[in-house]
């Protein structure tokens, strides 16, 4: 999840939705295991970066759409 989150931020959101989905799934598995699995902090960092990357993705899409509309209008 950490790698997907970092890539999501660096690639302006391309991997970010996957980091969010897999991060939530991994956190549920870690919580359900009752302390058997580690790596919760790494998953949380990846999840937060996935959310940030998703915001970049949406913001970039809005800006791109506005630029296209403005250039044709």
N, C-alpha and C. Protein backbone atom coordinates (compact mmCIF):
# COMPACT_ATOMS: atom_id res chain seq x y z
N UNK A 1 0.81 -1.18 0.00
CA UNK A 1 0.00 0.00 0.00
C UNK A 1 0.86 1.25 0.00
N UNK A 2 1.96 1.18 0.69
CA UNK A 2 2.84 2.35 0.77
C UNK A 2 3.37 2.70 -0.61
N UNK A 3 3.77 1.69 -1.37
CA UNK A 3 4.31 1.94 -2.71
C UNK A 3 3.22 2.52 -3.62
N UNK A 4 2.01 1.97 -3.57
CA UNK A 4 0.92 2.50 -4.39
C UNK A 4 0.58 3.93 -3.98
N UNK A 5 0.63 4.22 -2.70
CA UNK A 5 0.36 5.58 -2.23
C UNK A 5 1.39 6.57 -2.72
N UNK A 6 2.67 6.19 -2.63
CA UNK A 6 3.74 7.07 -3.12
C UNK A 6 3.62 7.27 -4.62
N UNK A 7 3.38 6.19 -5.36
CA UNK A 7 3.21 6.31 -6.81
C UNK A 7 1.99 7.16 -7.15
N UNK A 8 0.93 7.03 -6.35
CA UNK A 8 -0.27 7.83 -6.58
C UNK A 8 0.00 9.32 -6.46
N UNK A 9 0.84 9.70 -5.50
CA UNK A 9 1.17 11.11 -5.35
C UNK A 9 2.12 11.56 -6.45
N UNK A 10 3.13 10.75 -6.73
CA UNK A 10 4.12 11.12 -7.74
C UNK A 10 3.55 11.13 -9.16
N UNK A 11 2.63 10.25 -9.44
CA UNK A 11 2.05 10.14 -10.79
C UNK A 11 0.76 10.94 -10.91
N UNK A 12 0.54 11.86 -10.00
CA UNK A 12 -0.65 12.71 -9.98
C UNK A 12 -1.94 11.91 -9.92
N UNK A 13 -1.94 10.83 -9.14
CA UNK A 13 -3.18 10.15 -8.85
C UNK A 13 -3.47 8.87 -9.60
N UNK A 14 -2.60 8.44 -10.50
CA UNK A 14 -2.91 7.27 -11.32
C UNK A 14 -3.08 6.01 -10.48
N UNK A 15 -2.28 5.81 -9.47
CA UNK A 15 -2.36 4.62 -8.61
C UNK A 15 -3.10 4.88 -7.30
N UNK A 16 -3.46 6.11 -7.05
CA UNK A 16 -4.03 6.50 -5.76
C UNK A 16 -5.32 5.77 -5.41
N UNK A 17 -6.27 5.62 -6.33
CA UNK A 17 -7.49 4.89 -5.95
C UNK A 17 -7.21 3.45 -5.53
N UNK A 18 -6.23 2.82 -6.17
CA UNK A 18 -5.87 1.45 -5.77
C UNK A 18 -5.27 1.43 -4.38
N UNK A 19 -4.45 2.43 -4.05
CA UNK A 19 -3.86 2.51 -2.71
C UNK A 19 -4.95 2.67 -1.66
N UNK A 20 -5.96 3.45 -1.97
CA UNK A 20 -7.06 3.63 -1.02
C UNK A 20 -7.83 2.33 -0.81
N UNK A 21 -8.19 1.66 -1.89
CA UNK A 21 -8.99 0.43 -1.80
C UNK A 21 -8.21 -0.66 -1.08
N UNK A 22 -6.97 -0.90 -1.51
CA UNK A 22 -6.18 -1.95 -0.89
C UNK A 22 -5.78 -1.58 0.55
N UNK A 23 -5.60 -0.29 0.82
CA UNK A 23 -5.27 0.15 2.17
C UNK A 23 -6.40 -0.12 3.15
N UNK A 24 -7.61 0.20 2.75
CA UNK A 24 -8.77 -0.07 3.62
C UNK A 24 -8.92 -1.57 3.85
N UNK A 25 -8.74 -2.33 2.79
CA UNK A 25 -8.85 -3.80 2.91
C UNK A 25 -7.77 -4.35 3.85
N UNK A 26 -6.54 -3.86 3.70
CA UNK A 26 -5.45 -4.33 4.55
C UNK A 26 -5.67 -3.95 6.02
N UNK A 27 -6.17 -2.74 6.26
CA UNK A 27 -6.45 -2.33 7.64
C UNK A 27 -7.51 -3.22 8.28
N UNK A 28 -8.53 -3.58 7.51
CA UNK A 28 -9.56 -4.48 8.04
C UNK A 28 -8.97 -5.84 8.40
N UNK A 29 -8.09 -6.34 7.53
CA UNK A 29 -7.46 -7.64 7.80
C UNK A 29 -6.55 -7.57 9.03
N UNK A 30 -5.80 -6.48 9.15
CA UNK A 30 -4.91 -6.32 10.30
C UNK A 30 -5.73 -6.24 11.59
N UNK A 31 -6.82 -5.48 11.57
CA UNK A 31 -7.67 -5.35 12.76
C UNK A 31 -8.34 -6.67 13.11
N UNK A 32 -8.76 -7.42 12.10
CA UNK A 32 -9.44 -8.69 12.34
C UNK A 32 -8.49 -9.76 12.87
N UNK A 33 -7.20 -9.62 12.58
CA UNK A 33 -6.23 -10.63 12.99
C UNK A 33 -5.88 -10.54 14.48
N UNK A 34 -6.27 -9.47 15.12
CA UNK A 34 -6.03 -9.36 16.55
C UNK A 34 -4.57 -9.20 16.94
N UNK A 35 -3.80 -8.51 16.14
CA UNK A 35 -2.40 -8.25 16.48
C UNK A 35 -1.40 -9.23 15.90
N UNK A 36 -1.88 -10.20 15.13
CA UNK A 36 -0.96 -11.17 14.52
C UNK A 36 -0.16 -10.52 13.40
N UNK A 37 -0.80 -9.70 12.60
CA UNK A 37 -0.13 -9.03 11.48
C UNK A 37 0.41 -7.68 11.92
N UNK A 38 1.55 -7.30 11.38
CA UNK A 38 2.12 -5.98 11.63
C UNK A 38 1.99 -5.12 10.40
N UNK A 39 2.63 -3.97 10.42
CA UNK A 39 2.64 -3.09 9.26
C UNK A 39 1.51 -2.09 9.20
N UNK A 40 0.82 -1.92 10.30
CA UNK A 40 -0.32 -1.00 10.31
C UNK A 40 0.11 0.42 9.97
N UNK A 41 1.25 0.85 10.47
CA UNK A 41 1.72 2.21 10.20
C UNK A 41 2.02 2.41 8.71
N UNK A 42 2.63 1.43 8.09
CA UNK A 42 2.91 1.53 6.65
C UNK A 42 1.63 1.58 5.84
N UNK A 43 0.66 0.78 6.24
CA UNK A 43 -0.63 0.79 5.53
C UNK A 43 -1.31 2.14 5.70
N UNK A 44 -1.25 2.70 6.91
CA UNK A 44 -1.87 4.01 7.14
C UNK A 44 -1.20 5.10 6.30
N UNK A 45 0.12 5.07 6.21
CA UNK A 45 0.83 6.05 5.38
C UNK A 45 0.42 5.89 3.92
N UNK A 46 0.38 4.66 3.44
CA UNK A 46 -0.05 4.41 2.07
C UNK A 46 -1.48 4.87 1.82
N UNK A 47 -2.34 4.64 2.79
CA UNK A 47 -3.74 5.06 2.67
C UNK A 47 -3.86 6.58 2.61
N UNK A 48 -3.13 7.28 3.47
CA UNK A 48 -3.16 8.74 3.47
C UNK A 48 -2.60 9.28 2.15
N UNK A 49 -1.50 8.70 1.69
CA UNK A 49 -0.95 9.14 0.40
C UNK A 49 -1.91 8.82 -0.75
N UNK A 50 -2.63 7.71 -0.64
CA UNK A 50 -3.64 7.39 -1.65
C UNK A 50 -4.76 8.41 -1.68
N UNK A 51 -5.16 8.88 -0.51
CA UNK A 51 -6.20 9.91 -0.44
C UNK A 51 -5.69 11.21 -1.04
N UNK A 52 -4.45 11.58 -0.70
CA UNK A 52 -3.86 12.80 -1.26
C UNK A 52 -3.74 12.68 -2.77
N UNK A 53 -3.29 11.54 -3.26
CA UNK A 53 -3.20 11.33 -4.70
C UNK A 53 -4.54 11.37 -5.39
N UNK A 54 -5.58 10.87 -4.73
CA UNK A 54 -6.93 10.91 -5.30
C UNK A 54 -7.42 12.35 -5.41
N UNK A 55 -7.08 13.16 -4.41
CA UNK A 55 -7.43 14.58 -4.47
C UNK A 55 -6.72 15.23 -5.66
N UNK A 56 -5.43 14.92 -5.86
CA UNK A 56 -4.70 15.43 -7.03
C UNK A 56 -5.37 14.99 -8.32
N UNK A 57 -5.81 13.74 -8.37
CA UNK A 57 -6.45 13.21 -9.57
C UNK A 57 -7.74 13.98 -9.89
N UNK A 58 -8.57 14.18 -8.89
CA UNK A 58 -9.83 14.91 -9.10
C UNK A 58 -9.54 16.36 -9.46
N UNK A 59 -8.63 16.99 -8.74
CA UNK A 59 -8.29 18.39 -9.01
C UNK A 59 -7.72 18.54 -10.42
N UNK A 60 -6.84 17.63 -10.82
CA UNK A 60 -6.29 17.68 -12.18
C UNK A 60 -7.35 17.48 -13.24
N UNK A 61 -8.30 16.60 -12.98
CA UNK A 61 -9.39 16.39 -13.93
C UNK A 61 -10.27 17.61 -14.08
N UNK A 62 -10.54 18.27 -12.96
CA UNK A 62 -11.35 19.49 -13.00
C UNK A 62 -10.62 20.59 -13.76
N UNK A 63 -9.34 20.78 -13.45
CA UNK A 63 -8.56 21.82 -14.13
C UNK A 63 -8.47 21.52 -15.62
N UNK A 64 -8.22 20.27 -15.98
CA UNK A 64 -8.14 19.90 -17.39
C UNK A 64 -9.46 20.15 -18.09
N UNK A 65 -10.57 19.78 -17.45
CA UNK A 65 -11.89 20.00 -18.04
C UNK A 65 -12.16 21.49 -18.26
N UNK A 66 -11.81 22.29 -17.26
CA UNK A 66 -12.01 23.73 -17.40
C UNK A 66 -11.16 24.32 -18.52
N UNK A 67 -9.94 23.84 -18.66
CA UNK A 67 -9.08 24.32 -19.75
C UNK A 67 -9.63 23.94 -21.12
N UNK A 68 -10.16 22.73 -21.23
CA UNK A 68 -10.73 22.29 -22.51
C UNK A 68 -11.97 23.11 -22.83
N UNK A 69 -12.83 23.32 -21.83
CA UNK A 69 -14.04 24.10 -22.04
C UNK A 69 -13.70 25.53 -22.42
N UNK A 70 -12.72 26.10 -21.75
CA UNK A 70 -12.33 27.49 -22.01
C UNK A 70 -11.71 27.64 -23.41
N UNK A 71 -10.95 26.65 -23.85
CA UNK A 71 -10.30 26.76 -25.16
C UNK A 71 -11.29 26.59 -26.31
N UNK A 72 -12.39 25.87 -26.06
CA UNK A 72 -13.41 25.68 -27.11
C UNK A 72 -14.54 26.68 -27.00
N UNK A 73 -14.54 27.48 -25.97
CA UNK A 73 -15.66 28.40 -25.75
C UNK A 73 -15.31 29.76 -26.13
